[in-house]
């Protein structure tokens, strides 16, 4: 790696967040919001419910929730259906 890259980001790991999503390790960039992570994971934020560190996180707080190392998310996809 050249010195210019080292000077701009001396510790690349410091800009990465490590968390668990449904029990699996995931990483994202520092300052990633919950809706951004959901989109990166290929999920439609309108069709999921999220437990954040053991508590259901109300949708009104999603945009202001910046993920940090050690966070634990359980994401449940809402599936439509009905009886015949």
N, C-alpha and C. Protein backbone atom coordinates (compact mmCIF):
# COMPACT_ATOMS: atom_id res chain seq x y z
N UNK A 1 0.85 -1.17 0.00
CA UNK A 1 0.00 0.00 0.00
C UNK A 1 0.89 1.23 0.00
N UNK A 2 0.52 2.25 -0.74
CA UNK A 2 1.38 3.43 -0.79
C UNK A 2 1.12 4.35 0.40
N UNK A 3 2.05 5.30 0.63
CA UNK A 3 1.96 6.18 1.79
C UNK A 3 0.74 7.10 1.74
N UNK A 4 0.32 7.49 0.54
CA UNK A 4 -0.85 8.37 0.42
C UNK A 4 -2.09 7.66 0.93
N UNK A 5 -2.24 6.38 0.62
CA UNK A 5 -3.39 5.64 1.10
C UNK A 5 -3.32 5.46 2.61
N UNK A 6 -2.14 5.20 3.14
CA UNK A 6 -1.98 5.05 4.58
C UNK A 6 -2.31 6.33 5.31
N UNK A 7 -1.94 7.47 4.76
CA UNK A 7 -2.18 8.75 5.41
C UNK A 7 -3.67 9.06 5.45
N UNK A 8 -4.41 8.73 4.40
CA UNK A 8 -5.83 9.05 4.38
C UNK A 8 -6.65 8.10 5.24
N UNK A 9 -6.20 6.88 5.40
CA UNK A 9 -6.92 5.90 6.21
C UNK A 9 -5.90 4.96 6.85
N UNK A 10 -5.29 5.40 7.94
CA UNK A 10 -4.22 4.61 8.53
C UNK A 10 -4.67 3.25 9.05
N UNK A 11 -5.92 3.10 9.41
CA UNK A 11 -6.42 1.84 9.93
C UNK A 11 -7.76 1.53 9.27
N UNK A 12 -7.75 0.82 8.14
CA UNK A 12 -9.00 0.53 7.43
C UNK A 12 -10.03 -0.17 8.30
N UNK A 13 -9.59 -1.00 9.24
CA UNK A 13 -10.54 -1.70 10.11
C UNK A 13 -11.31 -0.73 11.00
N UNK A 14 -10.74 0.44 11.26
CA UNK A 14 -11.42 1.43 12.12
C UNK A 14 -12.65 2.01 11.44
N UNK A 15 -12.76 1.89 10.11
CA UNK A 15 -13.91 2.42 9.40
C UNK A 15 -14.95 1.34 9.12
N UNK A 16 -14.74 0.15 9.68
CA UNK A 16 -15.64 -0.97 9.47
C UNK A 16 -16.30 -1.37 10.78
N UNK A 17 -17.57 -1.66 10.71
CA UNK A 17 -18.35 -2.10 11.86
C UNK A 17 -18.59 -3.60 11.72
N UNK A 18 -18.37 -4.33 12.81
CA UNK A 18 -18.65 -5.77 12.83
C UNK A 18 -19.85 -6.00 13.72
N UNK A 19 -20.86 -6.69 13.18
CA UNK A 19 -22.08 -6.94 13.92
C UNK A 19 -22.62 -8.31 13.55
N UNK A 20 -23.70 -8.71 14.20
CA UNK A 20 -24.35 -9.98 13.88
C UNK A 20 -25.75 -9.70 13.36
N UNK A 21 -26.09 -10.38 12.28
CA UNK A 21 -27.43 -10.28 11.71
C UNK A 21 -27.99 -11.69 11.64
N UNK A 22 -29.05 -11.92 12.37
CA UNK A 22 -29.67 -13.25 12.47
C UNK A 22 -28.64 -14.32 12.81
N UNK A 23 -27.72 -13.97 13.70
CA UNK A 23 -26.71 -14.90 14.19
C UNK A 23 -25.47 -15.03 13.32
N UNK A 24 -25.47 -14.39 12.15
CA UNK A 24 -24.33 -14.48 11.23
C UNK A 24 -23.50 -13.20 11.30
N UNK A 25 -22.17 -13.32 11.25
CA UNK A 25 -21.33 -12.12 11.25
C UNK A 25 -21.50 -11.33 9.96
N UNK A 26 -21.56 -10.02 10.10
CA UNK A 26 -21.67 -9.11 8.97
C UNK A 26 -20.75 -7.92 9.23
N UNK A 27 -20.40 -7.22 8.18
CA UNK A 27 -19.67 -5.97 8.33
C UNK A 27 -20.36 -4.89 7.49
N UNK A 28 -20.18 -3.66 7.90
CA UNK A 28 -20.66 -2.52 7.14
C UNK A 28 -19.74 -1.35 7.44
N UNK A 29 -19.90 -0.30 6.71
CA UNK A 29 -19.09 0.89 6.92
C UNK A 29 -19.56 1.66 8.16
N UNK A 30 -18.64 2.34 8.80
CA UNK A 30 -18.95 3.20 9.93
C UNK A 30 -20.01 4.22 9.49
N UNK A 31 -20.92 4.55 10.36
CA UNK A 31 -22.01 5.51 10.12
C UNK A 31 -23.12 4.96 9.23
N UNK A 32 -23.16 3.64 8.99
CA UNK A 32 -24.25 3.04 8.24
C UNK A 32 -25.51 3.06 9.10
N UNK A 33 -26.61 3.51 8.52
CA UNK A 33 -27.88 3.48 9.25
C UNK A 33 -28.56 2.13 9.04
N UNK A 34 -29.53 1.85 9.86
CA UNK A 34 -30.25 0.59 9.75
C UNK A 34 -30.90 0.42 8.37
N UNK A 35 -31.64 1.40 7.84
CA UNK A 35 -32.22 1.21 6.50
C UNK A 35 -31.16 0.97 5.42
N UNK A 36 -30.00 1.62 5.54
CA UNK A 36 -28.93 1.40 4.56
C UNK A 36 -28.44 -0.05 4.62
N UNK A 37 -28.26 -0.58 5.83
CA UNK A 37 -27.81 -1.96 5.96
C UNK A 37 -28.85 -2.91 5.38
N UNK A 38 -30.11 -2.69 5.67
CA UNK A 38 -31.16 -3.56 5.14
C UNK A 38 -31.12 -3.58 3.62
N UNK A 39 -30.96 -2.42 3.02
CA UNK A 39 -30.88 -2.33 1.56
C UNK A 39 -29.64 -3.06 1.05
N UNK A 40 -28.50 -2.88 1.73
CA UNK A 40 -27.27 -3.57 1.32
C UNK A 40 -27.44 -5.09 1.39
N UNK A 41 -28.25 -5.57 2.33
CA UNK A 41 -28.49 -7.00 2.47
C UNK A 41 -29.57 -7.51 1.52
N UNK A 42 -30.11 -6.61 0.69
CA UNK A 42 -31.11 -7.00 -0.30
C UNK A 42 -32.51 -7.11 0.26
N UNK A 43 -32.75 -6.46 1.38
CA UNK A 43 -34.07 -6.50 2.02
C UNK A 43 -34.80 -5.19 1.79
N UNK A 44 -36.11 -5.29 1.68
CA UNK A 44 -36.94 -4.11 1.57
C UNK A 44 -37.27 -3.64 2.98
N UNK A 45 -36.76 -2.48 3.40
CA UNK A 45 -37.02 -2.01 4.77
C UNK A 45 -38.50 -1.92 5.13
N UNK A 46 -39.36 -1.79 4.15
CA UNK A 46 -40.80 -1.69 4.43
C UNK A 46 -41.41 -3.04 4.79
N UNK A 47 -40.68 -4.14 4.51
CA UNK A 47 -41.25 -5.47 4.70
C UNK A 47 -40.54 -6.29 5.78
N UNK A 48 -39.89 -5.61 6.72
CA UNK A 48 -39.20 -6.34 7.79
C UNK A 48 -39.51 -5.72 9.15
N UNK A 49 -39.31 -6.53 10.17
CA UNK A 49 -39.32 -6.06 11.56
C UNK A 49 -37.93 -6.33 12.10
N UNK A 50 -37.44 -5.45 12.97
CA UNK A 50 -36.07 -5.56 13.44
C UNK A 50 -36.01 -5.53 14.96
N UNK A 51 -35.28 -6.52 15.50
CA UNK A 51 -34.92 -6.53 16.91
C UNK A 51 -33.47 -6.06 16.96
N UNK A 52 -33.22 -5.01 17.73
CA UNK A 52 -31.90 -4.38 17.81
C UNK A 52 -31.38 -4.55 19.23
N UNK A 53 -30.34 -5.36 19.38
CA UNK A 53 -29.75 -5.64 20.69
C UNK A 53 -30.79 -6.09 21.71
N UNK A 54 -31.67 -6.99 21.27
CA UNK A 54 -32.63 -7.60 22.17
C UNK A 54 -33.95 -6.87 22.33
N UNK A 55 -34.13 -5.74 21.65
CA UNK A 55 -35.36 -4.96 21.77
C UNK A 55 -35.92 -4.67 20.38
N UNK A 56 -37.25 -4.76 20.25
CA UNK A 56 -37.87 -4.38 18.98
C UNK A 56 -37.61 -2.88 18.77
N UNK A 57 -37.07 -2.54 17.61
CA UNK A 57 -36.76 -1.14 17.31
C UNK A 57 -37.87 -0.58 16.44
N UNK A 58 -38.58 0.41 16.98
CA UNK A 58 -39.67 1.03 16.23
C UNK A 58 -39.13 1.75 15.00
N UNK A 59 -39.86 1.64 13.95
CA UNK A 59 -39.46 2.18 12.65
C UNK A 59 -39.09 3.66 12.71
N UNK A 60 -39.70 4.43 13.56
CA UNK A 60 -39.41 5.86 13.65
C UNK A 60 -37.96 6.15 14.05
N UNK A 61 -37.27 5.15 14.65
CA UNK A 61 -35.89 5.33 15.09
C UNK A 61 -34.87 4.75 14.11
N UNK A 62 -35.31 4.09 13.06
CA UNK A 62 -34.39 3.42 12.16
C UNK A 62 -33.38 4.36 11.52
N UNK A 63 -33.83 5.48 10.99
CA UNK A 63 -32.95 6.40 10.26
C UNK A 63 -31.90 7.01 11.18
N UNK A 64 -32.19 7.16 12.45
CA UNK A 64 -31.22 7.76 13.38
C UNK A 64 -30.36 6.70 14.08
N UNK A 65 -30.57 5.43 13.76
CA UNK A 65 -29.79 4.35 14.36
C UNK A 65 -28.58 4.04 13.49
N UNK A 66 -27.40 4.45 13.96
CA UNK A 66 -26.14 4.16 13.28
C UNK A 66 -25.56 2.90 13.91
N UNK A 67 -25.26 1.92 13.08
CA UNK A 67 -24.79 0.63 13.57
C UNK A 67 -23.37 0.75 14.10
N UNK A 68 -23.09 -0.02 15.15
CA UNK A 68 -21.76 0.00 15.75
C UNK A 68 -21.30 -1.42 16.04
N UNK A 69 -20.00 -1.58 16.19
CA UNK A 69 -19.43 -2.89 16.43
C UNK A 69 -20.06 -3.52 17.66
N UNK A 70 -20.43 -4.79 17.52
CA UNK A 70 -21.03 -5.53 18.62
C UNK A 70 -22.55 -5.56 18.59
N UNK A 71 -23.17 -4.75 17.73
CA UNK A 71 -24.63 -4.77 17.64
C UNK A 71 -25.11 -6.14 17.19
N UNK A 72 -26.31 -6.51 17.67
CA UNK A 72 -26.95 -7.77 17.29
C UNK A 72 -28.32 -7.44 16.73
N UNK A 73 -28.55 -7.85 15.49
CA UNK A 73 -29.84 -7.62 14.83
C UNK A 73 -30.51 -8.96 14.54
N UNK A 74 -31.79 -9.01 14.79
CA UNK A 74 -32.63 -10.12 14.34
C UNK A 74 -33.64 -9.49 13.40
N UNK A 75 -33.64 -9.94 12.16
CA UNK A 75 -34.50 -9.35 11.15
C UNK A 75 -35.50 -10.40 10.68
N UNK A 76 -36.77 -10.05 10.74
CA UNK A 76 -37.84 -10.96 10.33
C UNK A 76 -38.52 -10.34 9.12
N UNK A 77 -38.63 -11.12 8.06
CA UNK A 77 -39.30 -10.66 6.85
C UNK A 77 -40.79 -10.92 6.98
N UNK A 78 -41.57 -9.93 6.62
CA UNK A 78 -43.03 -10.06 6.66
C UNK A 78 -43.46 -10.71 5.35
N UNK A 79 -44.19 -11.80 5.46
CA UNK A 79 -44.65 -12.53 4.29
C UNK A 79 -46.17 -12.47 4.25
N UNK A 80 -46.69 -12.01 3.12
CA UNK A 80 -48.13 -11.95 2.96
C UNK A 80 -48.70 -13.32 2.62
N UNK A 81 -49.95 -13.46 2.87
CA UNK A 81 -50.61 -14.72 2.55
C UNK A 81 -52.01 -14.73 3.13
N UNK A 82 -52.59 -15.85 3.09
CA UNK A 82 -53.94 -15.97 3.63
C UNK A 82 -54.48 -17.35 3.36
N UNK A 83 -55.71 -17.52 3.74
CA UNK A 83 -56.34 -18.83 3.51
C UNK A 83 -56.95 -18.85 2.12
N UNK A 84 -57.18 -20.06 1.66
CA UNK A 84 -57.80 -20.21 0.33
C UNK A 84 -59.27 -20.24 0.42
